[in-house]
Amino acid sequence: MDDYKKKLGSLASKIKNETPQTPLQQVQPIKTLTVSADDQEARFNNWIPKGLKRKIKAYGAQNDISQKDITIQALQQFLKKNGNE
């Protein structure tokens, strides 16, 4: 029991003497697509497989692009490929 009290006492004095070190967080803006002034935003809500969602999130994190922009680019490419743009 005395050993525990000694350890606890030394811990308290150590905490008092040392200044706390706060981690620094780096904030970086993500790349966004430029939308023309004519295009207003509209809500687009649908269900996709969880695996695809994980891949989109991982790709966005690795390439600093939002999930919204990935979706917009994918839909634009789909329409261009199918001749509907």
PDB file of N, CA and C in Angstrom:
ATOM      1  N   MET A   1       0.823  -1.197   0.000  1.00  0.00           N
ATOM      2  CA  MET A   1       0.000   0.000   0.000  1.00  0.00           C
ATOM      3  C   MET A   1       0.868   1.262   0.000  1.00  0.00           C
ATOM      4  N   ASP A   2       1.971   1.208   0.750  1.00  0.00           N
ATOM      5  CA  ASP A   2       2.866   2.369   0.790  1.00  0.00           C
ATOM      6  C   ASP A   2       3.498   2.608  -0.578  1.00  0.00           C
ATOM      7  N   ASP A   3       3.819   1.518  -1.274  1.00  0.00           N
ATOM      8  CA  ASP A   3       4.417   1.637  -2.607  1.00  0.00           C
ATOM      9  C   ASP A   3       3.448   2.338  -3.565  1.00  0.00           C
ATOM     10  N   TYR A   4       2.175   2.005  -3.466  1.00  0.00           N
ATOM     11  CA  TYR A   4       1.141   2.616  -4.302  1.00  0.00           C
ATOM     12  C   TYR A   4       1.056   4.115  -4.023  1.00  0.00           C
ATOM     13  N   LYS A   5       1.111   4.488  -2.735  1.00  0.00           N
ATOM     14  CA  LYS A   5       1.026   5.908  -2.363  1.00  0.00           C
ATOM     15  C   LYS A   5       2.231   6.681  -2.882  1.00  0.00           C
ATOM     16  N   LYS A   6       3.412   6.060  -2.852  1.00  0.00           N
ATOM     17  CA  LYS A   6       4.621   6.714  -3.363  1.00  0.00           C
ATOM     18  C   LYS A   6       4.504   6.940  -4.873  1.00  0.00           C
ATOM     19  N   LYS A   7       4.020   5.909  -5.578  1.00  0.00           N
ATOM     20  CA  LYS A   7       3.861   6.041  -7.029  1.00  0.00           C
ATOM     21  C   LYS A   7       2.831   7.117  -7.368  1.00  0.00           C
ATOM     22  N   LEU A   8       1.749   7.132  -6.601  1.00  0.00           N
ATOM     23  CA  LEU A   8       0.697   8.116  -6.832  1.00  0.00           C
ATOM     24  C   LEU A   8       1.212   9.525  -6.545  1.00  0.00           C
ATOM     25  N   GLY A   9       1.985   9.670  -5.477  1.00  0.00           N
ATOM     26  CA  GLY A   9       2.550  10.975  -5.135  1.00  0.00           C
ATOM     27  C   GLY A   9       3.523  11.465  -6.186  1.00  0.00           C
ATOM     28  N   SER A  10       4.367  10.563  -6.688  1.00  0.00           N
ATOM     29  CA  SER A  10       5.312  10.979  -7.718  1.00  0.00           C
ATOM     30  C   SER A  10       4.589  11.325  -9.018  1.00  0.00           C
ATOM     31  N   LEU A  11       3.498  10.653  -9.300  1.00  0.00           N
ATOM     32  CA  LEU A  11       2.717  10.961 -10.491  1.00  0.00           C
ATOM     33  C   LEU A  11       2.099  12.350 -10.378  1.00  0.00           C
ATOM     34  N   ALA A  12       1.569  12.672  -9.210  1.00  0.00           N
ATOM     35  CA  ALA A  12       0.956  13.989  -9.011  1.00  0.00           C
ATOM     36  C   ALA A  12       1.982  15.101  -9.184  1.00  0.00           C
ATOM     37  N   SER A  13       3.169  14.925  -8.614  1.00  0.00           N
ATOM     38  CA  SER A  13       4.199  15.963  -8.747  1.00  0.00           C
ATOM     39  C   SER A  13       4.685  16.057 -10.194  1.00  0.00           C
ATOM     40  N   LYS A  14       4.725  14.931 -10.875  1.00  0.00           N
ATOM     41  CA  LYS A  14       5.142  14.923 -12.282  1.00  0.00           C
ATOM     42  C   LYS A  14       4.127  15.700 -13.130  1.00  0.00           C
ATOM     43  N   ILE A  15       2.856  15.499 -12.854  1.00  0.00           N
ATOM     44  CA  ILE A  15       1.798  16.191 -13.601  1.00  0.00           C
ATOM     45  C   ILE A  15       1.867  17.697 -13.344  1.00  0.00           C
ATOM     46  N   LYS A  16       2.139  18.084 -12.105  1.00  0.00           N
ATOM     47  CA  LYS A  16       2.214  19.503 -11.764  1.00  0.00           C
ATOM     48  C   LYS A  16       3.400  20.183 -12.430  1.00  0.00           C
ATOM     49  N   ASN A  17       4.520  19.488 -12.541  1.00  0.00           N
ATOM     50  CA  ASN A  17       5.746  20.096 -13.060  1.00  0.00           C
ATOM     51  C   ASN A  17       5.811  20.132 -14.587  1.00  0.00           C
ATOM     52  N   GLU A  18       5.192  19.184 -15.250  1.00  0.00           N
ATOM     53  CA  GLU A  18       5.269  19.137 -16.710  1.00  0.00           C
ATOM     54  C   GLU A  18       4.127  19.930 -17.333  1.00  0.00           C
ATOM     55  N   THR A  19       4.452  20.659 -18.387  1.00  0.00           N
ATOM     56  CA  THR A  19       3.407  21.386 -19.117  1.00  0.00           C
ATOM     57  C   THR A  19       2.754  20.428 -20.112  1.00  0.00           C
ATOM     58  N   PRO A  20       1.455  20.488 -20.225  1.00  0.00           N
ATOM     59  CA  PRO A  20       0.776  19.571 -21.146  1.00  0.00           C
ATOM     60  C   PRO A  20       1.133  19.888 -22.602  1.00  0.00           C
ATOM     61  N   GLN A  21       1.301  18.854 -23.384  1.00  0.00           N
ATOM     62  CA  GLN A  21       1.601  19.021 -24.798  1.00  0.00           C
ATOM     63  C   GLN A  21       0.332  18.746 -25.596  1.00  0.00           C
ATOM     64  N   THR A  22      -0.133  19.761 -26.270  1.00  0.00           N
ATOM     65  CA  THR A  22      -1.335  19.580 -27.081  1.00  0.00           C
ATOM     66  C   THR A  22      -0.921  19.279 -28.514  1.00  0.00           C
ATOM     67  N   PRO A  23      -1.553  18.289 -29.131  1.00  0.00           N
ATOM     68  CA  PRO A  23      -1.199  17.964 -30.511  1.00  0.00           C
ATOM     69  C   PRO A  23      -1.677  19.050 -31.458  1.00  0.00           C
ATOM     70  N   LEU A  24      -0.898  19.314 -32.483  1.00  0.00           N
ATOM     71  CA  LEU A  24      -1.276  20.301 -33.484  1.00  0.00           C
ATOM     72  C   LEU A  24      -1.965  19.595 -34.640  1.00  0.00           C
ATOM     73  N   GLN A  25      -3.049  20.165 -35.082  1.00  0.00           N
ATOM     74  CA  GLN A  25      -3.814  19.580 -36.159  1.00  0.00           C
ATOM     75  C   GLN A  25      -3.680  20.469 -37.381  1.00  0.00           C
ATOM     76  N   GLN A  26      -3.384  19.858 -38.510  1.00  0.00           N
ATOM     77  CA  GLN A  26      -3.228  20.614 -39.737  1.00  0.00           C
ATOM     78  C   GLN A  26      -4.516  20.521 -40.548  1.00  0.00           C
ATOM     79  N   VAL A  27      -5.048  21.667 -40.929  1.00  0.00           N
ATOM     80  CA  VAL A  27      -6.290  21.713 -41.690  1.00  0.00           C
ATOM     81  C   VAL A  27      -5.959  22.092 -43.125  1.00  0.00           C
ATOM     82  N   GLN A  28      -6.413  21.272 -44.069  1.00  0.00           N
ATOM     83  CA  GLN A  28      -6.180  21.541 -45.484  1.00  0.00           C
ATOM     84  C   GLN A  28      -7.520  21.565 -46.201  1.00  0.00           C
ATOM     85  N   PRO A  29      -7.750  22.576 -47.023  1.00  0.00           N
ATOM     86  CA  PRO A  29      -9.013  22.611 -47.758  1.00  0.00           C
ATOM     87  C   PRO A  29      -9.033  21.528 -48.826  1.00  0.00           C
ATOM     88  N   ILE A  30     -10.239  21.028 -49.126  1.00  0.00           N
ATOM     89  CA  ILE A  30     -10.366  20.016 -50.162  1.00  0.00           C
ATOM     90  C   ILE A  30     -10.638  20.692 -51.491  1.00  0.00           C
ATOM     91  N   LYS A  31     -10.302  20.012 -52.565  1.00  0.00           N
ATOM     92  CA  LYS A  31     -10.552  20.534 -53.905  1.00  0.00           C
ATOM     93  C   LYS A  31     -12.045  20.419 -54.207  1.00  0.00           C
ATOM     94  N   THR A  32     -12.593  21.442 -54.827  1.00  0.00           N
ATOM     95  CA  THR A  32     -14.003  21.401 -55.197  1.00  0.00           C
ATOM     96  C   THR A  32     -14.151  21.735 -56.671  1.00  0.00           C
ATOM     97  N   LEU A  33     -15.180  21.208 -57.276  1.00  0.00           N
ATOM     98  CA  LEU A  33     -15.479  21.511 -58.665  1.00  0.00           C
ATOM     99  C   LEU A  33     -16.081  22.904 -58.771  1.00  0.00           C
ATOM    100  N   THR A  34     -15.804  23.558 -59.859  1.00  0.00           N
ATOM    101  CA  THR A  34     -16.443  24.847 -60.082  1.00  0.00           C
ATOM    102  C   THR A  34     -17.750  24.603 -60.826  1.00  0.00           C
ATOM    103  N   VAL A  35     -18.801  25.175 -60.302  1.00  0.00           N
ATOM    104  CA  VAL A  35     -20.131  25.024 -60.890  1.00  0.00           C
ATOM    105  C   VAL A  35     -20.501  26.365 -61.494  1.00  0.00           C
ATOM    106  N   SER A  36     -21.018  26.327 -62.705  1.00  0.00           N
ATOM    107  CA  SER A  36     -21.382  27.580 -63.363  1.00  0.00           C
ATOM    108  C   SER A  36     -22.518  28.268 -62.606  1.00  0.00           C
ATOM    109  N   ALA A  37     -22.635  29.550 -62.826  1.00  0.00           N
ATOM    110  CA  ALA A  37     -23.655  30.335 -62.125  1.00  0.00           C
ATOM    111  C   ALA A  37     -25.066  29.900 -62.526  1.00  0.00           C
ATOM    112  N   ASP A  38     -25.197  29.335 -63.722  1.00  0.00           N
ATOM    113  CA  ASP A  38     -26.516  28.900 -64.198  1.00  0.00           C
ATOM    114  C   ASP A  38     -27.014  27.659 -63.466  1.00  0.00           C
ATOM    115  N   ASP A  39     -26.097  26.835 -62.992  1.00  0.00           N
ATOM    116  CA  ASP A  39     -26.464  25.578 -62.337  1.00  0.00           C
ATOM    117  C   ASP A  39     -26.735  25.795 -60.855  1.00  0.00           C
ATOM    118  N   GLN A  40     -27.980  25.625 -60.478  1.00  0.00           N
ATOM    119  CA  GLN A  40     -28.319  25.652 -59.069  1.00  0.00           C
ATOM    120  C   GLN A  40     -28.248  24.229 -58.548  1.00  0.00           C
ATOM    121  N   GLU A  41     -27.976  24.084 -57.283  1.00  0.00           N
ATOM    122  CA  GLU A  41     -27.867  22.749 -56.700  1.00  0.00           C
ATOM    123  C   GLU A  41     -29.247  22.205 -56.358  1.00  0.00           C
ATOM    124  N   ALA A  42     -29.388  20.885 -56.529  1.00  0.00           N
ATOM    125  CA  ALA A  42     -30.616  20.183 -56.181  1.00  0.00           C
ATOM    126  C   ALA A  42     -30.236  18.943 -55.378  1.00  0.00           C
ATOM    127  N   ARG A  43     -31.115  18.523 -54.530  1.00  0.00           N
ATOM    128  CA  ARG A  43     -30.859  17.347 -53.689  1.00  0.00           C
ATOM    129  C   ARG A  43     -30.883  16.091 -54.541  1.00  0.00           C
ATOM    130  N   PHE A  44     -29.888  15.210 -54.302  1.00  0.00           N
ATOM    131  CA  PHE A  44     -29.797  13.928 -54.999  1.00  0.00           C
ATOM    132  C   PHE A  44     -29.532  12.882 -53.937  1.00  0.00           C
ATOM    133  N   ASN A  45     -30.505  12.020 -53.712  1.00  0.00           N
ATOM    134  CA  ASN A  45     -30.409  11.060 -52.612  1.00  0.00           C
ATOM    135  C   ASN A  45     -30.739   9.671 -53.140  1.00  0.00           C
ATOM    136  N   ASN A  46     -29.812   8.734 -52.933  1.00  0.00           N
ATOM    137  CA  ASN A  46     -30.070   7.365 -53.354  1.00  0.00           C
ATOM    138  C   ASN A  46     -29.255   6.395 -52.504  1.00  0.00           C
ATOM    139  N   TRP A  47     -29.557   5.113 -52.632  1.00  0.00           N
ATOM    140  CA  TRP A  47     -28.870   4.075 -51.875  1.00  0.00           C
ATOM    141  C   TRP A  47     -27.847   3.394 -52.773  1.00  0.00           C
ATOM    142  N   ILE A  48     -26.620   3.195 -52.231  1.00  0.00           N
ATOM    143  CA  ILE A  48     -25.577   2.482 -52.969  1.00  0.00           C
ATOM    144  C   ILE A  48     -24.998   1.400 -52.061  1.00  0.00           C
ATOM    145  N   PRO A  49     -24.326   0.397 -52.630  1.00  0.00           N
ATOM    146  CA  PRO A  49     -23.717  -0.644 -51.802  1.00  0.00           C
ATOM    147  C   PRO A  49     -22.650  -0.074 -50.858  1.00  0.00           C
ATOM    148  N   LYS A  50     -22.565  -0.652 -49.653  1.00  0.00           N
ATOM    149  CA  LYS A  50     -21.615  -0.162 -48.649  1.00  0.00           C
ATOM    150  C   LYS A  50     -20.174  -0.230 -49.145  1.00  0.00           C
ATOM    151  N   GLY A  51     -19.849  -1.287 -49.876  1.00  0.00           N
ATOM    152  CA  GLY A  51     -18.486  -1.431 -50.393  1.00  0.00           C
ATOM    153  C   GLY A  51     -18.117  -0.297 -51.334  1.00  0.00           C
ATOM    154  N   LEU A  52     -19.051   0.092 -52.191  1.00  0.00           N
ATOM    155  CA  LEU A  52     -18.815   1.204 -53.108  1.00  0.00           C
ATOM    156  C   LEU A  52     -18.652   2.507 -52.339  1.00  0.00           C
ATOM    157  N   LYS A  53     -19.463   2.698 -51.324  1.00  0.00           N
ATOM    158  CA  LYS A  53     -19.376   3.904 -50.482  1.00  0.00           C
ATOM    159  C   LYS A  53     -18.003   3.996 -49.830  1.00  0.00           C
ATOM    160  N   ARG A  54     -17.494   2.862 -49.298  1.00  0.00           N
ATOM    161  CA  ARG A  54     -16.168   2.844 -48.678  1.00  0.00           C
ATOM    162  C   ARG A  54     -15.084   3.201 -49.684  1.00  0.00           C
ATOM    163  N   LYS A  55     -15.209   2.666 -50.909  1.00  0.00           N
ATOM    164  CA  LYS A  55     -14.218   2.967 -51.949  1.00  0.00           C
ATOM    165  C   LYS A  55     -14.233   4.442 -52.321  1.00  0.00           C
ATOM    166  N   ILE A  56     -15.430   5.028 -52.411  1.00  0.00           N
ATOM    167  CA  ILE A  56     -15.555   6.455 -52.730  1.00  0.00           C
ATOM    168  C   ILE A  56     -14.927   7.302 -51.626  1.00  0.00           C
ATOM    169  N   LYS A  57     -15.206   6.955 -50.365  1.00  0.00           N
ATOM    170  CA  LYS A  57     -14.633   7.701 -49.242  1.00  0.00           C
ATOM    171  C   LYS A  57     -13.112   7.608 -49.235  1.00  0.00           C
ATOM    172  N   ALA A  58     -12.586   6.403 -49.474  1.00  0.00           N
ATOM    173  CA  ALA A  58     -11.133   6.210 -49.480  1.00  0.00           C
ATOM    174  C   ALA A  58     -10.490   6.987 -50.627  1.00  0.00           C
ATOM    175  N   TYR A  59     -11.100   6.921 -51.808  1.00  0.00           N
ATOM    176  CA  TYR A  59     -10.575   7.658 -52.961  1.00  0.00           C
ATOM    177  C   TYR A  59     -10.579   9.159 -52.682  1.00  0.00           C
ATOM    178  N   GLY A  60     -11.667   9.644 -52.112  1.00  0.00           N
ATOM    179  CA  GLY A  60     -11.759  11.072 -51.793  1.00  0.00           C
ATOM    180  C   GLY A  60     -10.708  11.504 -50.790  1.00  0.00           C
ATOM    181  N   ALA A  61     -10.466  10.690 -49.773  1.00  0.00           N
ATOM    182  CA  ALA A  61      -9.468  11.027 -48.764  1.00  0.00           C
ATOM    183  C   ALA A  61      -8.058  11.025 -49.360  1.00  0.00           C
ATOM    184  N   GLN A  62      -7.779  10.071 -50.230  1.00  0.00           N
ATOM    185  CA  GLN A  62      -6.448   9.974 -50.829  1.00  0.00           C
ATOM    186  C   GLN A  62      -6.188  11.081 -51.843  1.00  0.00           C
ATOM    187  N   ASN A  63      -7.221  11.553 -52.501  1.00  0.00           N
ATOM    188  CA  ASN A  63      -7.061  12.532 -53.579  1.00  0.00           C
ATOM    189  C   ASN A  63      -7.605  13.919 -53.236  1.00  0.00           C
ATOM    190  N   ASP A  64      -7.936  14.148 -51.973  1.00  0.00           N
ATOM    191  CA  ASP A  64      -8.451  15.446 -51.509  1.00  0.00           C
ATOM    192  C   ASP A  64      -9.619  15.945 -52.365  1.00  0.00           C
ATOM    193  N   ILE A  65     -10.609  15.106 -52.543  1.00  0.00           N
ATOM    194  CA  ILE A  65     -11.801  15.484 -53.300  1.00  0.00           C
ATOM    195  C   ILE A  65     -13.032  14.998 -52.524  1.00  0.00           C
ATOM    196  N   SER A  66     -14.068  15.789 -52.529  1.00  0.00           N
ATOM    197  CA  SER A  66     -15.260  15.438 -51.750  1.00  0.00           C
ATOM    198  C   SER A  66     -16.068  14.350 -52.446  1.00  0.00           C
ATOM    199  N   GLN A  67     -16.876  13.659 -51.665  1.00  0.00           N
ATOM    200  CA  GLN A  67     -17.743  12.618 -52.216  1.00  0.00           C
ATOM    201  C   GLN A  67     -18.753  13.233 -53.192  1.00  0.00           C
ATOM    202  N   LYS A  68     -19.170  14.422 -52.901  1.00  0.00           N
ATOM    203  CA  LYS A  68     -20.101  15.129 -53.780  1.00  0.00           C
ATOM    204  C   LYS A  68     -19.478  15.346 -55.151  1.00  0.00           C
ATOM    205  N   ASP A  69     -18.225  15.801 -55.181  1.00  0.00           N
ATOM    206  CA  ASP A  69     -17.555  16.059 -56.451  1.00  0.00           C
ATOM    207  C   ASP A  69     -17.279  14.767 -57.216  1.00  0.00           C
ATOM    208  N   ILE A  70     -16.958  13.700 -56.490  1.00  0.00           N
ATOM    209  CA  ILE A  70     -16.764  12.393 -57.145  1.00  0.00           C
ATOM    210  C   ILE A  70     -18.058  11.970 -57.827  1.00  0.00           C
ATOM    211  N   THR A  71     -19.173  12.130 -57.135  1.00  0.00           N
ATOM    212  CA  THR A  71     -20.480  11.755 -57.687  1.00  0.00           C
ATOM    213  C   THR A  71     -20.816  12.599 -58.911  1.00  0.00           C
ATOM    214  N   ILE A  72     -20.575  13.899 -58.829  1.00  0.00           N
ATOM    215  CA  ILE A  72     -20.866  14.790 -59.958  1.00  0.00           C
ATOM    216  C   ILE A  72     -20.036  14.391 -61.169  1.00  0.00           C
ATOM    217  N   GLN A  73     -18.738  14.160 -60.952  1.00  0.00           N
ATOM    218  CA  GLN A  73     -17.873  13.771 -62.070  1.00  0.00           C
ATOM    219  C   GLN A  73     -18.306  12.442 -62.683  1.00  0.00           C
ATOM    220  N   ALA A  74     -18.664  11.483 -61.843  1.00  0.00           N
ATOM    221  CA  ALA A  74     -19.084  10.173 -62.340  1.00  0.00           C
ATOM    222  C   ALA A  74     -20.363  10.293 -63.173  1.00  0.00           C
ATOM    223  N   LEU A  75     -21.322  11.072 -62.703  1.00  0.00           N
ATOM    224  CA  LEU A  75     -22.579  11.229 -63.437  1.00  0.00           C
ATOM    225  C   LEU A  75     -22.363  11.985 -64.745  1.00  0.00           C
ATOM    226  N   GLN A  76     -21.490  12.995 -64.736  1.00  0.00           N
ATOM    227  CA  GLN A  76     -21.190  13.726 -65.969  1.00  0.00           C
ATOM    228  C   GLN A  76     -20.524  12.818 -66.999  1.00  0.00           C
ATOM    229  N   GLN A  77     -19.590  11.977 -66.553  1.00  0.00           N
ATOM    230  CA  GLN A  77     -18.932  11.044 -67.466  1.00  0.00           C
ATOM    231  C   GLN A  77     -19.919  10.017 -68.009  1.00  0.00           C
ATOM    232  N   PHE A  78     -20.816   9.547 -67.163  1.00  0.00           N
ATOM    233  CA  PHE A  78     -21.841   8.587 -67.603  1.00  0.00           C
ATOM    234  C   PHE A  78     -22.708   9.194 -68.693  1.00  0.00           C
ATOM    235  N   LEU A  79     -23.168  10.427 -68.480  1.00  0.00           N
ATOM    236  CA  LEU A  79     -24.027  11.072 -69.465  1.00  0.00           C
ATOM    237  C   LEU A  79     -23.261  11.361 -70.749  1.00  0.00           C
ATOM    238  N   LYS A  80     -22.012  11.769 -70.637  1.00  0.00           N
ATOM    239  CA  LYS A  80     -21.199  12.039 -71.829  1.00  0.00           C
ATOM    240  C   LYS A  80     -20.999  10.763 -72.634  1.00  0.00           C
ATOM    241  N   LYS A  81     -20.713   9.669 -71.937  1.00  0.00           N
ATOM    242  CA  LYS A  81     -20.488   8.370 -72.591  1.00  0.00           C
ATOM    243  C   LYS A  81     -21.743   7.892 -73.305  1.00  0.00           C
ATOM    244  N   ASN A  82     -22.895   8.144 -72.717  1.00  0.00           N
ATOM    245  CA  ASN A  82     -24.149   7.661 -73.289  1.00  0.00           C
ATOM    246  C   ASN A  82     -24.830   8.697 -74.186  1.00  0.00           C
ATOM    247  N   GLY A  83     -24.130   9.788 -74.482  1.00  0.00           N
ATOM    248  CA  GLY A  83     -24.644  10.778 -75.428  1.00  0.00           C
ATOM    249  C   GLY A  83     -25.820  11.579 -74.944  1.00  0.00           C
ATOM    250  N   ASN A  84     -25.919  11.803 -73.652  1.00  0.00           N
ATOM    251  CA  ASN A  84     -27.067  12.548 -73.122  1.00  0.00           C
ATOM    252  C   ASN A  84     -26.680  13.868 -72.476  1.00  0.00           C
ATOM    253  N   GLU A  85     -25.493  14.366 -72.769  1.00  0.00           N
ATOM    254  CA  GLU A  85     -25.109  15.623 -72.122  1.00  0.00           C
ATOM    255  C   GLU A  85     -25.275  16.777 -73.046  1.00  0.00           C
TER     256      GLU A  85
END
